[in-house]
Amino acid sequence: MKFQKEIENYVLTKVVNKLEEHFGKLEVSRGREHDFLGMRIKFVANEVHISMKDYIWETIDMFPEPTNMKVTSPAKKDLNEINNKAEKLTKNKRELYHSIVAKLLWVMKR
């Protein structure tokens, strides 16, 4: 068993070295737990557990206003009405909004 692990380690190292020759230095993690693109991946026995809870909490924490309201729907009744008097967001708030929406779309897709 130990010899097999050494061979596996040797082969993995060779593969990583070849990839680094082509792509440059890579961040490599080995073991039973990995974080990748917001996903926590755990190998347990013959199963793979994937969770995005930490990523979701990180996204919620990005909101500048409190997020403790309870709602029954993500849409308000005036969702399709345009408020021409509304103040435009600042550049920083636009970028934050875009980042939060992109993160939530990623979670929704996965």
N, C-alpha and C. Protein backbone atom coordinates (compact mmCIF):
# COMPACT_ATOMS: atom_id res chain seq x y z
N MET A 1 0.83 -1.20 0.00
CA MET A 1 0.00 0.00 0.00
C MET A 1 0.87 1.26 0.00
N LYS A 2 1.91 1.27 0.85
CA LYS A 2 2.79 2.43 0.91
C LYS A 2 3.51 2.63 -0.42
N PHE A 3 3.95 1.53 -1.02
CA PHE A 3 4.63 1.60 -2.31
C PHE A 3 3.70 2.17 -3.38
N GLN A 4 2.43 1.75 -3.35
CA GLN A 4 1.45 2.24 -4.32
C GLN A 4 1.26 3.75 -4.16
N LYS A 5 1.20 4.25 -2.91
CA LYS A 5 1.05 5.68 -2.65
C LYS A 5 2.25 6.45 -3.20
N GLU A 6 3.43 5.89 -3.04
CA GLU A 6 4.65 6.54 -3.54
C GLU A 6 4.61 6.64 -5.06
N ILE A 7 4.15 5.57 -5.71
CA ILE A 7 4.04 5.58 -7.17
C ILE A 7 3.01 6.61 -7.61
N GLU A 8 1.86 6.63 -6.93
CA GLU A 8 0.81 7.61 -7.26
C GLU A 8 1.35 9.03 -7.09
N ASN A 9 2.06 9.26 -6.00
CA ASN A 9 2.64 10.58 -5.75
C ASN A 9 3.64 10.96 -6.83
N TYR A 10 4.45 10.02 -7.23
CA TYR A 10 5.44 10.25 -8.28
C TYR A 10 4.76 10.61 -9.60
N VAL A 11 3.73 9.85 -9.96
CA VAL A 11 3.01 10.09 -11.21
C VAL A 11 2.31 11.45 -11.17
N LEU A 12 1.65 11.76 -10.06
CA LEU A 12 0.98 13.06 -9.93
C LEU A 12 1.98 14.21 -10.05
N THR A 13 3.14 14.05 -9.42
CA THR A 13 4.17 15.09 -9.49
C THR A 13 4.64 15.28 -10.93
N LYS A 14 4.83 14.19 -11.65
CA LYS A 14 5.25 14.28 -13.06
C LYS A 14 4.18 15.02 -13.89
N VAL A 15 2.91 14.69 -13.67
CA VAL A 15 1.83 15.33 -14.41
C VAL A 15 1.79 16.82 -14.09
N VAL A 16 1.90 17.18 -12.82
CA VAL A 16 1.90 18.59 -12.42
C VAL A 16 3.09 19.31 -13.05
N ASN A 17 4.25 18.70 -13.06
CA ASN A 17 5.43 19.31 -13.66
C ASN A 17 5.22 19.57 -15.15
N LYS A 18 4.62 18.63 -15.85
CA LYS A 18 4.34 18.81 -17.29
C LYS A 18 3.35 19.96 -17.50
N LEU A 19 2.33 20.02 -16.67
CA LEU A 19 1.35 21.11 -16.79
C LEU A 19 2.01 22.46 -16.51
N GLU A 20 2.90 22.50 -15.51
CA GLU A 20 3.58 23.75 -15.18
C GLU A 20 4.54 24.19 -16.28
N GLU A 21 5.11 23.23 -17.01
CA GLU A 21 5.96 23.58 -18.15
C GLU A 21 5.15 24.36 -19.18
N HIS A 22 3.91 23.99 -19.33
CA HIS A 22 3.06 24.62 -20.35
C HIS A 22 2.36 25.88 -19.82
N PHE A 23 1.83 25.83 -18.58
CA PHE A 23 1.01 26.92 -18.06
C PHE A 23 1.71 27.82 -17.05
N GLY A 24 2.88 27.44 -16.59
CA GLY A 24 3.54 28.20 -15.53
C GLY A 24 3.18 27.63 -14.17
N LYS A 25 3.64 28.29 -13.12
CA LYS A 25 3.44 27.81 -11.75
C LYS A 25 1.95 27.66 -11.44
N LEU A 26 1.57 26.50 -10.90
CA LEU A 26 0.19 26.20 -10.54
C LEU A 26 0.07 26.01 -9.04
N GLU A 27 -1.08 26.33 -8.50
CA GLU A 27 -1.36 26.03 -7.10
C GLU A 27 -1.95 24.64 -7.04
N VAL A 28 -1.30 23.76 -6.33
CA VAL A 28 -1.70 22.36 -6.30
C VAL A 28 -2.06 21.99 -4.86
N SER A 29 -3.17 21.29 -4.71
CA SER A 29 -3.52 20.78 -3.38
C SER A 29 -3.71 19.27 -3.50
N ARG A 30 -3.29 18.59 -2.47
CA ARG A 30 -3.43 17.13 -2.45
C ARG A 30 -4.10 16.74 -1.14
N GLY A 31 -4.79 15.65 -1.17
CA GLY A 31 -5.44 15.19 0.04
C GLY A 31 -6.92 14.98 -0.20
N ARG A 32 -7.67 14.96 0.88
CA ARG A 32 -9.09 14.63 0.82
C ARG A 32 -10.00 15.85 0.80
N GLU A 33 -9.46 17.06 1.01
CA GLU A 33 -10.26 18.28 0.99
C GLU A 33 -9.63 19.31 0.07
N HIS A 34 -10.50 19.94 -0.75
CA HIS A 34 -10.02 20.94 -1.70
C HIS A 34 -11.04 22.07 -1.82
N ASP A 35 -10.56 23.27 -2.05
CA ASP A 35 -11.41 24.41 -2.38
C ASP A 35 -11.12 24.77 -3.83
N PHE A 36 -12.19 24.83 -4.63
CA PHE A 36 -12.02 25.12 -6.05
C PHE A 36 -13.24 25.89 -6.55
N LEU A 37 -13.01 27.11 -7.04
CA LEU A 37 -14.07 27.95 -7.60
C LEU A 37 -15.28 28.07 -6.68
N GLY A 38 -15.02 28.30 -5.40
CA GLY A 38 -16.10 28.47 -4.44
C GLY A 38 -16.69 27.18 -3.91
N MET A 39 -16.21 26.06 -4.40
CA MET A 39 -16.74 24.77 -3.96
C MET A 39 -15.77 24.13 -2.98
N ARG A 40 -16.28 23.62 -1.87
CA ARG A 40 -15.48 22.82 -0.95
C ARG A 40 -15.73 21.37 -1.33
N ILE A 41 -14.69 20.69 -1.73
CA ILE A 41 -14.80 19.31 -2.19
C ILE A 41 -14.12 18.40 -1.18
N LYS A 42 -14.88 17.42 -0.66
CA LYS A 42 -14.34 16.47 0.31
C LYS A 42 -14.55 15.06 -0.21
N PHE A 43 -13.51 14.26 -0.13
CA PHE A 43 -13.60 12.85 -0.48
C PHE A 43 -13.74 12.06 0.82
N VAL A 44 -14.88 11.40 0.97
CA VAL A 44 -15.17 10.63 2.18
C VAL A 44 -15.50 9.21 1.74
N ALA A 45 -14.66 8.27 2.13
CA ALA A 45 -14.81 6.87 1.73
C ALA A 45 -14.95 6.80 0.22
N ASN A 46 -16.05 6.28 -0.29
CA ASN A 46 -16.27 6.18 -1.73
C ASN A 46 -17.24 7.23 -2.24
N GLU A 47 -17.31 8.36 -1.54
CA GLU A 47 -18.22 9.44 -1.92
C GLU A 47 -17.46 10.74 -2.08
N VAL A 48 -18.06 11.65 -2.83
CA VAL A 48 -17.54 13.00 -2.97
C VAL A 48 -18.63 13.95 -2.47
N HIS A 49 -18.26 14.81 -1.51
CA HIS A 49 -19.20 15.78 -0.97
C HIS A 49 -18.77 17.17 -1.47
N ILE A 50 -19.72 17.88 -2.07
CA ILE A 50 -19.43 19.22 -2.60
C ILE A 50 -20.38 20.20 -1.91
N SER A 51 -19.81 21.26 -1.36
CA SER A 51 -20.59 22.27 -0.66
C SER A 51 -20.15 23.65 -1.10
N MET A 52 -21.10 24.58 -1.12
CA MET A 52 -20.78 25.98 -1.44
C MET A 52 -21.25 26.91 -0.32
N LYS A 53 -21.48 26.37 0.88
CA LYS A 53 -22.00 27.18 1.99
C LYS A 53 -21.09 28.37 2.30
N ASP A 54 -19.78 28.12 2.41
CA ASP A 54 -18.85 29.21 2.73
C ASP A 54 -18.87 30.28 1.66
N TYR A 55 -18.97 29.89 0.40
CA TYR A 55 -19.01 30.83 -0.72
C TYR A 55 -20.29 31.68 -0.64
N ILE A 56 -21.40 31.04 -0.29
CA ILE A 56 -22.67 31.77 -0.17
C ILE A 56 -22.59 32.77 0.97
N TRP A 57 -22.06 32.35 2.12
CA TRP A 57 -21.92 33.29 3.24
C TRP A 57 -20.97 34.43 2.90
N GLU A 58 -19.91 34.14 2.20
CA GLU A 58 -18.97 35.18 1.76
C GLU A 58 -19.70 36.20 0.88
N THR A 59 -20.55 35.72 0.00
CA THR A 59 -21.31 36.59 -0.90
C THR A 59 -22.31 37.43 -0.10
N ILE A 60 -22.99 36.83 0.85
CA ILE A 60 -23.95 37.57 1.67
C ILE A 60 -23.23 38.65 2.47
N ASP A 61 -22.04 38.32 2.98
CA ASP A 61 -21.27 39.29 3.77
C ASP A 61 -20.80 40.49 2.94
N MET A 62 -20.81 40.37 1.62
CA MET A 62 -20.39 41.48 0.75
C MET A 62 -21.43 42.60 0.72
N PHE A 63 -22.69 42.31 1.06
CA PHE A 63 -23.74 43.31 1.01
C PHE A 63 -23.41 44.44 1.98
N PRO A 64 -23.47 45.70 1.52
CA PRO A 64 -23.16 46.81 2.41
C PRO A 64 -24.29 47.12 3.39
N GLU A 65 -25.52 46.73 3.06
CA GLU A 65 -26.66 46.96 3.95
C GLU A 65 -27.00 45.65 4.67
N PRO A 66 -27.74 45.75 5.79
CA PRO A 66 -28.14 44.53 6.49
C PRO A 66 -28.99 43.64 5.59
N THR A 67 -28.85 42.33 5.75
CA THR A 67 -29.60 41.38 4.93
C THR A 67 -30.44 40.47 5.81
N ASN A 68 -31.08 41.05 6.83
CA ASN A 68 -31.83 40.21 7.76
C ASN A 68 -33.35 40.34 7.58
N MET A 69 -33.80 40.89 6.46
CA MET A 69 -35.23 40.99 6.19
C MET A 69 -35.77 39.64 5.75
N LYS A 70 -37.04 39.41 6.05
CA LYS A 70 -37.70 38.20 5.57
C LYS A 70 -38.62 38.60 4.43
N VAL A 71 -38.58 37.84 3.36
CA VAL A 71 -39.43 38.11 2.20
C VAL A 71 -40.06 36.80 1.74
N THR A 72 -41.16 36.94 1.02
CA THR A 72 -41.83 35.74 0.50
C THR A 72 -41.51 35.51 -0.96
N SER A 73 -40.89 36.52 -1.59
CA SER A 73 -40.57 36.42 -3.02
C SER A 73 -39.35 37.28 -3.30
N PRO A 74 -38.53 36.89 -4.26
CA PRO A 74 -37.37 37.73 -4.60
C PRO A 74 -37.76 38.97 -5.40
N ALA A 75 -39.02 39.06 -5.82
CA ALA A 75 -39.47 40.17 -6.66
C ALA A 75 -40.53 41.00 -5.92
N LYS A 76 -40.39 42.31 -6.04
CA LYS A 76 -41.42 43.19 -5.50
C LYS A 76 -42.51 43.38 -6.55
N LYS A 77 -43.66 43.89 -6.12
CA LYS A 77 -44.78 44.03 -7.06
C LYS A 77 -44.48 45.03 -8.17
N ASP A 78 -43.55 45.97 -7.94
CA ASP A 78 -43.21 46.96 -8.97
C ASP A 78 -41.94 46.58 -9.74
N LEU A 79 -41.63 45.31 -9.80
CA LEU A 79 -40.41 44.82 -10.44
C LEU A 79 -40.23 45.34 -11.86
N ASN A 80 -41.30 45.37 -12.64
CA ASN A 80 -41.20 45.74 -14.05
C ASN A 80 -41.45 47.22 -14.32
N GLU A 81 -41.58 48.01 -13.27
CA GLU A 81 -41.77 49.45 -13.43
C GLU A 81 -40.42 50.14 -13.36
N ILE A 82 -40.24 51.13 -14.23
CA ILE A 82 -38.98 51.87 -14.27
C ILE A 82 -39.15 53.17 -13.51
N ASN A 83 -38.24 53.40 -12.56
CA ASN A 83 -38.25 54.64 -11.78
C ASN A 83 -37.22 55.59 -12.37
N ASN A 84 -37.67 56.52 -13.19
CA ASN A 84 -36.75 57.45 -13.85
C ASN A 84 -36.13 58.45 -12.88
N LYS A 85 -36.68 58.56 -11.67
CA LYS A 85 -36.15 59.49 -10.68
C LYS A 85 -35.11 58.84 -9.77
N ALA A 86 -34.90 57.55 -9.93
CA ALA A 86 -33.95 56.84 -9.08
C ALA A 86 -32.53 57.34 -9.32
N GLU A 87 -31.79 57.45 -8.24
CA GLU A 87 -30.40 57.90 -8.32
C GLU A 87 -29.53 56.76 -8.85
N LYS A 88 -28.62 57.06 -9.76
CA LYS A 88 -27.72 56.04 -10.31
C LYS A 88 -26.71 55.61 -9.26
N LEU A 89 -26.30 54.37 -9.35
CA LEU A 89 -25.30 53.86 -8.42
C LEU A 89 -23.93 54.45 -8.74
N THR A 90 -23.11 54.59 -7.70
CA THR A 90 -21.73 55.03 -7.92
C THR A 90 -20.96 53.90 -8.58
N LYS A 91 -19.79 54.20 -9.09
CA LYS A 91 -18.97 53.19 -9.75
C LYS A 91 -18.67 52.03 -8.80
N ASN A 92 -18.31 52.34 -7.55
CA ASN A 92 -18.00 51.29 -6.58
C ASN A 92 -19.22 50.41 -6.30
N LYS A 93 -20.39 51.03 -6.13
CA LYS A 93 -21.60 50.25 -5.86
C LYS A 93 -22.00 49.42 -7.08
N ARG A 94 -21.79 49.95 -8.29
CA ARG A 94 -22.09 49.17 -9.51
C ARG A 94 -21.21 47.94 -9.57
N GLU A 95 -19.92 48.12 -9.30
CA GLU A 95 -18.99 46.99 -9.35
C GLU A 95 -19.32 45.96 -8.27
N LEU A 96 -19.68 46.43 -7.08
CA LEU A 96 -20.07 45.52 -6.00
C LEU A 96 -21.33 44.75 -6.39
N TYR A 97 -22.31 45.46 -6.91
CA TYR A 97 -23.56 44.83 -7.35
C TYR A 97 -23.27 43.76 -8.41
N HIS A 98 -22.45 44.10 -9.39
CA HIS A 98 -22.11 43.15 -10.45
C HIS A 98 -21.42 41.92 -9.86
N SER A 99 -20.50 42.13 -8.94
CA SER A 99 -19.77 41.02 -8.33
C SER A 99 -20.71 40.10 -7.56
N ILE A 100 -21.62 40.68 -6.78
CA ILE A 100 -22.57 39.88 -6.00
C ILE A 100 -23.49 39.09 -6.92
N VAL A 101 -24.01 39.74 -7.96
CA VAL A 101 -24.90 39.04 -8.90
C VAL A 101 -24.16 37.91 -9.60
N ALA A 102 -22.91 38.16 -10.02
CA ALA A 102 -22.13 37.12 -10.69
C ALA A 102 -21.90 35.92 -9.75
N LYS A 103 -21.58 36.19 -8.48
CA LYS A 103 -21.38 35.10 -7.51
C LYS A 103 -22.66 34.30 -7.32
N LEU A 104 -23.79 35.00 -7.19
CA LEU A 104 -25.07 34.30 -6.99
C LEU A 104 -25.46 33.51 -8.24
N LEU A 105 -25.16 34.02 -9.40
CA LEU A 105 -25.43 33.26 -10.64
C LEU A 105 -24.57 32.00 -10.68
N TRP A 106 -23.33 32.10 -10.24
CA TRP A 106 -22.44 30.94 -10.20
C TRP A 106 -23.00 29.87 -9.25
N VAL A 107 -23.46 30.31 -8.06
CA VAL A 107 -24.04 29.37 -7.10
C VAL A 107 -25.29 28.73 -7.70
N MET A 108 -26.14 29.53 -8.31
CA MET A 108 -27.39 29.03 -8.89
C MET A 108 -27.10 28.00 -9.98
N LYS A 109 -26.10 28.25 -10.78
CA LYS A 109 -25.77 27.36 -11.90
C LYS A 109 -25.18 26.03 -11.40
N ARG A 110 -24.46 26.08 -10.30
CA ARG A 110 -23.82 24.87 -9.78
C ARG A 110 -24.74 24.10 -8.87
